[in-house]
Amino acid sequence: MFNDIKAVLFDLDGTLVDSAPDLGAAADKMRTDRGMASLPLSHYRPLAGAGARGMLSVAFGMQSQDADFEQFKEEFFLNYTACMTQRTCSFDGVDALIARLDDAGMKWGVVTNKSERFSLPLTRAMPLFKTAQTIISGDTTPHAKPHPEPLLEASRRLMLEPQQCVYVGDDERDIVAGRAAGMVTVAAAYGYLGAIEDTTHWNADATIFSPEALLKLLRMA
């Protein structure tokens, strides 16, 4: 159980929304445009949290140091821009969780490494985010997670101390950033998690296996 919490901050992809179908489709179109066979979503989903880097590694076995990576990344971004709201939806239980936070008057917001180029149109397109009181993107501050600055900026915008905030994320870098910011941290084990299934070594303050489980930690269930 957590005490004296005034706000909940969430990672975006893999924590609040399942964007894997659109991310995977953007990369898969690059394959089919080149006459390559389509890959199933199950290939893309585990690395959806890694964005372009993850999708291109699945689609082409490409790494960020490869000579063509930047060119392929921009093509991926163009594809993703065209489809990013077509299949993306909130995870089961997220809408109910946010409604409960709203009903209780709990402040909440988003801290994502997704750049504003994508995070702002996506969150504006989804009714879920109408009550979010801050959206911090990967390029809102000079640093991205696992640096704590995006989380510290979120707490400043909410006019709260970091220790009054919980940060929920499905990637180890979320927990690293949250701990460095002095926030209470929660690992969302229902998210993408990359190739790692055991989150215990992340040293989060708690782990949840469904969005609604957060309410018990906040003494709101």
C-alpha atoms as a PDB file:
ATOM      1  CA  MET A   1       0.000   0.000   0.000  1.00  0.00           C
ATOM      2  CA  PHE A   2       1.195   3.511  -0.825  1.00  0.00           C
ATOM      3  CA  ASN A   3       0.630   6.537   1.380  1.00  0.00           C
ATOM      4  CA  ASP A   4       0.310  10.260   0.643  1.00  0.00           C
ATOM      5  CA  ILE A   5       0.234   9.819  -3.147  1.00  0.00           C
ATOM      6  CA  LYS A   6      -1.223  12.795  -5.004  1.00  0.00           C
ATOM      7  CA  ALA A   7      -0.674  11.775  -8.643  1.00  0.00           C
ATOM      8  CA  VAL A   8      -0.106   8.780 -10.882  1.00  0.00           C
ATOM      9  CA  LEU A   9       2.159   9.037 -13.911  1.00  0.00           C
ATOM     10  CA  PHE A  10       2.137   6.362 -16.591  1.00  0.00           C
ATOM     11  CA  ASP A  11       4.313   5.251 -19.436  1.00  0.00           C
ATOM     12  CA  LEU A  12       2.287   5.194 -22.667  1.00  0.00           C
ATOM     13  CA  ASP A  13       2.999   2.267 -24.996  1.00  0.00           C
ATOM     14  CA  GLY A  14       2.686  -1.065 -23.234  1.00  0.00           C
ATOM     15  CA  THR A  15       1.283   0.483 -20.058  1.00  0.00           C
ATOM     16  CA  LEU A  16      -1.820   2.469 -21.011  1.00  0.00           C
ATOM     17  CA  VAL A  17      -2.205   1.648 -24.693  1.00  0.00           C
ATOM     18  CA  ASP A  18      -1.504  -1.339 -26.888  1.00  0.00           C
ATOM     19  CA  SER A  19       0.117   0.301 -29.909  1.00  0.00           C
ATOM     20  CA  ALA A  20       1.838  -2.867 -31.102  1.00  0.00           C
ATOM     21  CA  PRO A  21      -0.658  -3.501 -33.955  1.00  0.00           C
ATOM     22  CA  ASP A  22       0.031  -0.088 -35.537  1.00  0.00           C
ATOM     23  CA  LEU A  23       3.772  -0.156 -34.853  1.00  0.00           C
ATOM     24  CA  GLY A  24       3.996  -3.641 -36.319  1.00  0.00           C
ATOM     25  CA  ALA A  25       1.896  -2.662 -39.337  1.00  0.00           C
ATOM     26  CA  ALA A  26       4.201   0.274 -40.076  1.00  0.00           C
ATOM     27  CA  ALA A  27       7.252  -1.990 -40.116  1.00  0.00           C
ATOM     28  CA  ASP A  28       5.491  -4.807 -41.918  1.00  0.00           C
ATOM     29  CA  LYS A  29       4.477  -2.475 -44.744  1.00  0.00           C
ATOM     30  CA  MET A  30       8.165  -1.812 -45.294  1.00  0.00           C
ATOM     31  CA  ARG A  31       8.660  -5.558 -45.776  1.00  0.00           C
ATOM     32  CA  THR A  32       5.751  -6.052 -48.147  1.00  0.00           C
ATOM     33  CA  ASP A  33       6.693  -2.919 -50.110  1.00  0.00           C
ATOM     34  CA  ARG A  34       9.999  -4.687 -50.782  1.00  0.00           C
ATOM     35  CA  GLY A  35       8.342  -7.918 -51.847  1.00  0.00           C
ATOM     36  CA  MET A  36       9.098  -9.668 -48.573  1.00  0.00           C
ATOM     37  CA  ALA A  37       6.632 -11.882 -46.743  1.00  0.00           C
ATOM     38  CA  SER A  38       4.453 -10.352 -44.061  1.00  0.00           C
ATOM     39  CA  LEU A  39       5.246 -11.278 -40.458  1.00  0.00           C
ATOM     40  CA  PRO A  40       2.558 -11.946 -37.832  1.00  0.00           C
ATOM     41  CA  LEU A  41       1.912  -9.421 -35.078  1.00  0.00           C
ATOM     42  CA  SER A  42       3.235 -11.929 -32.535  1.00  0.00           C
ATOM     43  CA  HIS A  43       6.725 -11.317 -33.939  1.00  0.00           C
ATOM     44  CA  TYR A  44       6.473  -7.556 -33.427  1.00  0.00           C
ATOM     45  CA  ARG A  45       4.585  -7.340 -30.128  1.00  0.00           C
ATOM     46  CA  PRO A  46       7.407  -8.232 -27.669  1.00  0.00           C
ATOM     47  CA  LEU A  47       9.589  -5.368 -28.947  1.00  0.00           C
ATOM     48  CA  ALA A  48       6.866  -2.761 -29.455  1.00  0.00           C
ATOM     49  CA  GLY A  49       8.112  -0.819 -26.449  1.00  0.00           C
ATOM     50  CA  ALA A  50      11.400  -0.178 -28.255  1.00  0.00           C
ATOM     51  CA  GLY A  51       9.666   1.784 -31.038  1.00  0.00           C
ATOM     52  CA  ALA A  52      11.413   2.110 -34.394  1.00  0.00           C
ATOM     53  CA  ARG A  53      14.535   0.365 -33.126  1.00  0.00           C
ATOM     54  CA  GLY A  54      12.546  -2.662 -32.019  1.00  0.00           C
ATOM     55  CA  MET A  55      10.319  -2.814 -35.077  1.00  0.00           C
ATOM     56  CA  LEU A  56      13.198  -2.568 -37.540  1.00  0.00           C
ATOM     57  CA  SER A  57      15.121  -5.249 -35.690  1.00  0.00           C
ATOM     58  CA  VAL A  58      12.164  -7.599 -36.109  1.00  0.00           C
ATOM     59  CA  ALA A  59      11.370  -6.679 -39.701  1.00  0.00           C
ATOM     60  CA  PHE A  60      14.924  -6.583 -41.047  1.00  0.00           C
ATOM     61  CA  GLY A  61      17.300  -7.712 -38.317  1.00  0.00           C
ATOM     62  CA  MET A  62      18.560  -4.126 -38.374  1.00  0.00           C
ATOM     63  CA  GLN A  63      20.488  -2.445 -35.571  1.00  0.00           C
ATOM     64  CA  SER A  64      20.798   1.268 -34.830  1.00  0.00           C
ATOM     65  CA  GLN A  65      24.466   1.287 -35.871  1.00  0.00           C
ATOM     66  CA  ASP A  66      23.714  -0.062 -39.355  1.00  0.00           C
ATOM     67  CA  ALA A  67      24.450   2.311 -42.244  1.00  0.00           C
ATOM     68  CA  ASP A  68      20.858   2.359 -43.522  1.00  0.00           C
ATOM     69  CA  PHE A  69      19.190   2.626 -40.112  1.00  0.00           C
ATOM     70  CA  GLU A  70      18.353   6.351 -40.221  1.00  0.00           C
ATOM     71  CA  GLN A  71      16.861   6.075 -43.714  1.00  0.00           C
ATOM     72  CA  PHE A  72      14.781   3.054 -42.714  1.00  0.00           C
ATOM     73  CA  LYS A  73      13.732   4.766 -39.478  1.00  0.00           C
ATOM     74  CA  GLU A  74      12.337   7.775 -41.343  1.00  0.00           C
ATOM     75  CA  GLU A  75      10.402   5.488 -43.682  1.00  0.00           C
ATOM     76  CA  PHE A  76       9.032   3.666 -40.651  1.00  0.00           C
ATOM     77  CA  PHE A  77       8.013   6.997 -39.083  1.00  0.00           C
ATOM     78  CA  LEU A  78       6.129   8.007 -42.225  1.00  0.00           C
ATOM     79  CA  ASN A  79       4.270   4.692 -42.246  1.00  0.00           C
ATOM     80  CA  TYR A  80       3.502   4.948 -38.550  1.00  0.00           C
ATOM     81  CA  THR A  81       2.218   8.522 -38.864  1.00  0.00           C
ATOM     82  CA  ALA A  82      -0.279   7.303 -41.460  1.00  0.00           C
ATOM     83  CA  CYS A  83      -1.663   4.471 -39.311  1.00  0.00           C
ATOM     84  CA  MET A  84      -0.940   5.171 -35.646  1.00  0.00           C
ATOM     85  CA  THR A  85      -4.562   5.572 -34.571  1.00  0.00           C
ATOM     86  CA  GLN A  86      -6.071   2.792 -36.680  1.00  0.00           C
ATOM     87  CA  ARG A  87      -5.583  -0.190 -34.346  1.00  0.00           C
ATOM     88  CA  THR A  88      -4.150   1.266 -31.125  1.00  0.00           C
ATOM     89  CA  CYS A  89      -6.424   0.901 -28.108  1.00  0.00           C
ATOM     90  CA  SER A  90      -6.201   0.986 -24.338  1.00  0.00           C
ATOM     91  CA  PHE A  91      -5.395  -2.227 -22.503  1.00  0.00           C
ATOM     92  CA  ASP A  92      -8.305  -4.019 -20.847  1.00  0.00           C
ATOM     93  CA  GLY A  93      -8.978  -2.355 -17.520  1.00  0.00           C
ATOM     94  CA  VAL A  94      -7.208   0.921 -18.277  1.00  0.00           C
ATOM     95  CA  ASP A  95     -10.371   2.912 -19.008  1.00  0.00           C
ATOM     96  CA  ALA A  96     -11.901   1.758 -15.719  1.00  0.00           C
ATOM     97  CA  LEU A  97      -8.684   2.591 -13.852  1.00  0.00           C
ATOM     98  CA  ILE A  98      -8.547   6.127 -15.245  1.00  0.00           C
ATOM     99  CA  ALA A  99     -12.254   6.668 -14.541  1.00  0.00           C
ATOM    100  CA  ARG A 100     -11.651   5.657 -10.929  1.00  0.00           C
ATOM    101  CA  LEU A 101      -8.688   8.041 -10.621  1.00  0.00           C
ATOM    102  CA  ASP A 102     -10.819  10.834 -12.075  1.00  0.00           C
ATOM    103  CA  ASP A 103     -13.700  10.095  -9.727  1.00  0.00           C
ATOM    104  CA  ALA A 104     -11.336  10.250  -6.764  1.00  0.00           C
ATOM    105  CA  GLY A 105      -9.819  13.532  -7.909  1.00  0.00           C
ATOM    106  CA  MET A 106      -6.395  11.951  -8.326  1.00  0.00           C
ATOM    107  CA  LYS A 107      -4.124  13.809 -10.726  1.00  0.00           C
ATOM    108  CA  TRP A 108      -2.624  11.719 -13.505  1.00  0.00           C
ATOM    109  CA  GLY A 109      -0.463  12.106 -16.568  1.00  0.00           C
ATOM    110  CA  VAL A 110       1.851  10.466 -19.067  1.00  0.00           C
ATOM    111  CA  VAL A 111       5.634  10.338 -19.318  1.00  0.00           C
ATOM    112  CA  THR A 112       6.723   8.581 -22.504  1.00  0.00           C
ATOM    113  CA  ASN A 113       9.838   8.325 -24.641  1.00  0.00           C
ATOM    114  CA  LYS A 114       7.624   8.657 -27.704  1.00  0.00           C
ATOM    115  CA  SER A 115       8.431  11.976 -29.386  1.00  0.00           C
ATOM    116  CA  GLU A 116       5.812  14.741 -29.455  1.00  0.00           C
ATOM    117  CA  ARG A 117       5.497  14.136 -33.204  1.00  0.00           C
ATOM    118  CA  PHE A 118       3.605  10.956 -32.294  1.00  0.00           C
ATOM    119  CA  SER A 119       2.559  11.203 -28.650  1.00  0.00           C
ATOM    120  CA  LEU A 120       0.506  14.375 -28.962  1.00  0.00           C
ATOM    121  CA  PRO A 121      -1.596  13.355 -32.006  1.00  0.00           C
ATOM    122  CA  LEU A 122      -2.153   9.917 -30.501  1.00  0.00           C
ATOM    123  CA  THR A 123      -3.271  11.136 -27.091  1.00  0.00           C
ATOM    124  CA  ARG A 124      -5.433  13.864 -28.644  1.00  0.00           C
ATOM    125  CA  ALA A 125      -7.183  11.252 -30.778  1.00  0.00           C
ATOM    126  CA  MET A 126      -8.099   8.993 -27.840  1.00  0.00           C
ATOM    127  CA  PRO A 127     -10.853  10.081 -25.405  1.00  0.00           C
ATOM    128  CA  LEU A 128      -8.966   8.286 -22.622  1.00  0.00           C
ATOM    129  CA  PHE A 129      -6.510  11.179 -22.350  1.00  0.00           C
ATOM    130  CA  LYS A 130      -8.988  14.051 -22.055  1.00  0.00           C
ATOM    131  CA  THR A 131      -8.461  14.208 -18.299  1.00  0.00           C
ATOM    132  CA  ALA A 132      -4.672  13.755 -18.333  1.00  0.00           C
ATOM    133  CA  GLN A 133      -3.124  16.773 -16.644  1.00  0.00           C
ATOM    134  CA  THR A 134       0.289  16.484 -18.261  1.00  0.00           C
ATOM    135  CA  ILE A 135       1.820  14.723 -21.256  1.00  0.00           C
ATOM    136  CA  ILE A 136       5.623  14.581 -21.202  1.00  0.00           C
ATOM    137  CA  SER A 137       7.208  13.190 -24.360  1.00  0.00           C
ATOM    138  CA  GLY A 138      10.676  11.924 -25.138  1.00  0.00           C
ATOM    139  CA  ASP A 139      11.708  15.307 -26.525  1.00  0.00           C
ATOM    140  CA  THR A 140       9.839  17.570 -24.082  1.00  0.00           C
ATOM    141  CA  THR A 141      13.033  17.897 -22.022  1.00  0.00           C
ATOM    142  CA  PRO A 142      16.661  17.525 -23.150  1.00  0.00           C
ATOM    143  CA  HIS A 143      16.651  13.969 -21.764  1.00  0.00           C
ATOM    144  CA  ALA A 144      14.599  10.815 -22.220  1.00  0.00           C
ATOM    145  CA  LYS A 145      14.124   7.918 -19.811  1.00  0.00           C
ATOM    146  CA  PRO A 146      15.967   6.325 -18.073  1.00  0.00           C
ATOM    147  CA  HIS A 147      17.068   9.857 -17.160  1.00  0.00           C
ATOM    148  CA  PRO A 148      14.800  11.186 -14.396  1.00  0.00           C
ATOM    149  CA  GLU A 149      14.312  14.658 -15.901  1.00  0.00           C
ATOM    150  CA  PRO A 150      11.075  13.875 -17.815  1.00  0.00           C
ATOM    151  CA  LEU A 151       9.522  12.599 -14.588  1.00  0.00           C
ATOM    152  CA  LEU A 152      10.763  15.573 -12.617  1.00  0.00           C
ATOM    153  CA  GLU A 153       9.287  17.888 -15.255  1.00  0.00           C
ATOM    154  CA  ALA A 154       5.948  16.093 -14.913  1.00  0.00           C
ATOM    155  CA  SER A 155       5.929  16.565 -11.158  1.00  0.00           C
ATOM    156  CA  ARG A 156       6.774  20.253 -11.584  1.00  0.00           C
ATOM    157  CA  ARG A 157       3.891  20.715 -14.002  1.00  0.00           C
ATOM    158  CA  LEU A 158       1.567  19.013 -11.525  1.00  0.00           C
ATOM    159  CA  MET A 159       2.981  21.253  -8.771  1.00  0.00           C
ATOM    160  CA  LEU A 160       3.870  18.243  -6.643  1.00  0.00           C
ATOM    161  CA  GLU A 161       6.980  16.841  -5.041  1.00  0.00           C
ATOM    162  CA  PRO A 162       8.350  13.734  -6.803  1.00  0.00           C
ATOM    163  CA  GLN A 163       7.743  11.586  -3.733  1.00  0.00           C
ATOM    164  CA  GLN A 164       4.038  12.404  -3.998  1.00  0.00           C
ATOM    165  CA  CYS A 165       3.906  10.651  -7.383  1.00  0.00           C
ATOM    166  CA  VAL A 166       3.728   7.036  -8.506  1.00  0.00           C
ATOM    167  CA  TYR A 167       5.249   6.092 -11.847  1.00  0.00           C
ATOM    168  CA  VAL A 168       3.920   3.013 -13.651  1.00  0.00           C
ATOM    169  CA  GLY A 169       5.780   1.464 -16.594  1.00  0.00           C
ATOM    170  CA  ASP A 170       6.362  -1.791 -18.432  1.00  0.00           C
ATOM    171  CA  ASP A 171      10.090  -1.390 -19.114  1.00  0.00           C
ATOM    172  CA  GLU A 172      13.093  -1.495 -16.799  1.00  0.00           C
ATOM    173  CA  ARG A 173      14.112   2.001 -17.886  1.00  0.00           C
ATOM    174  CA  ASP A 174      10.776   3.276 -16.519  1.00  0.00           C
ATOM    175  CA  ILE A 175      11.624   1.937 -13.085  1.00  0.00           C
ATOM    176  CA  VAL A 176      15.201   3.232 -13.264  1.00  0.00           C
ATOM    177  CA  ALA A 177      13.903   6.697 -14.161  1.00  0.00           C
ATOM    178  CA  GLY A 178      11.226   6.651 -11.483  1.00  0.00           C
ATOM    179  CA  ARG A 179      13.624   5.579  -8.753  1.00  0.00           C
ATOM    180  CA  ALA A 180      16.162   8.225  -9.821  1.00  0.00           C
ATOM    181  CA  ALA A 181      13.415  10.857  -9.651  1.00  0.00           C
ATOM    182  CA  GLY A 182      12.493   9.812  -6.120  1.00  0.00           C
ATOM    183  CA  MET A 183       9.054   8.502  -7.087  1.00  0.00           C
ATOM    184  CA  VAL A 184       7.268   5.355  -6.014  1.00  0.00           C
ATOM    185  CA  THR A 185       7.600   2.868  -8.887  1.00  0.00           C
ATOM    186  CA  VAL A 186       5.263   0.174 -10.190  1.00  0.00           C
ATOM    187  CA  ALA A 187       6.166  -2.402 -12.838  1.00  0.00           C
ATOM    188  CA  ALA A 188       3.313  -3.131 -15.248  1.00  0.00           C
ATOM    189  CA  ALA A 189       3.876  -6.835 -15.874  1.00  0.00           C
ATOM    190  CA  TYR A 190       0.961  -6.985 -18.299  1.00  0.00           C
ATOM    191  CA  GLY A 191       2.882  -4.805 -20.800  1.00  0.00           C
ATOM    192  CA  TYR A 192       5.383  -5.649 -23.514  1.00  0.00           C
ATOM    193  CA  LEU A 193       8.449  -6.308 -21.336  1.00  0.00           C
ATOM    194  CA  GLY A 194      10.692  -7.014 -24.340  1.00  0.00           C
ATOM    195  CA  ALA A 195      12.406 -10.377 -23.998  1.00  0.00           C
ATOM    196  CA  ILE A 196      12.254 -10.250 -20.190  1.00  0.00           C
ATOM    197  CA  GLU A 197       9.391 -11.784 -18.270  1.00  0.00           C
ATOM    198  CA  ASP A 198      10.779 -11.594 -14.736  1.00  0.00           C
ATOM    199  CA  THR A 199      10.572  -8.021 -13.459  1.00  0.00           C
ATOM    200  CA  THR A 200      11.832  -8.684  -9.930  1.00  0.00           C
ATOM    201  CA  HIS A 201      15.365  -7.474 -10.668  1.00  0.00           C
ATOM    202  CA  TRP A 202      13.988  -4.065 -11.701  1.00  0.00           C
ATOM    203  CA  ASN A 203      13.574  -3.298  -7.973  1.00  0.00           C
ATOM    204  CA  ALA A 204      10.219  -1.609  -8.425  1.00  0.00           C
ATOM    205  CA  ASP A 205       8.264  -0.845  -5.269  1.00  0.00           C
ATOM    206  CA  ALA A 206       5.441  -3.044  -6.561  1.00  0.00           C
ATOM    207  CA  THR A 207       4.401  -5.115  -9.570  1.00  0.00           C
ATOM    208  CA  ILE A 208       0.908  -5.304 -11.024  1.00  0.00           C
ATOM    209  CA  PHE A 209      -0.466  -7.877 -13.438  1.00  0.00           C
ATOM    210  CA  SER A 210      -3.540  -5.866 -14.450  1.00  0.00           C
ATOM    211  CA  PRO A 211      -4.256  -2.123 -14.561  1.00  0.00           C
ATOM    212  CA  GLU A 212      -6.952  -2.344 -11.893  1.00  0.00           C
ATOM    213  CA  ALA A 213      -4.465  -3.829  -9.402  1.00  0.00           C
ATOM    214  CA  LEU A 214      -2.994  -0.343  -9.048  1.00  0.00           C
ATOM    215  CA  LEU A 215      -6.144   0.747  -7.199  1.00  0.00           C
ATOM    216  CA  LYS A 216      -5.390  -1.581  -4.283  1.00  0.00           C
ATOM    217  CA  LEU A 217      -1.906  -0.111  -3.939  1.00  0.00           C
ATOM    218  CA  LEU A 218      -3.469   3.368  -3.859  1.00  0.00           C
ATOM    219  CA  ARG A 219      -6.053   2.235  -1.274  1.00  0.00           C
ATOM    220  CA  MET A 220      -8.798   3.025  -3.779  1.00  0.00           C
ATOM    221  CA  ALA A 221     -10.170  -0.476  -4.343  1.00  0.00           C
END
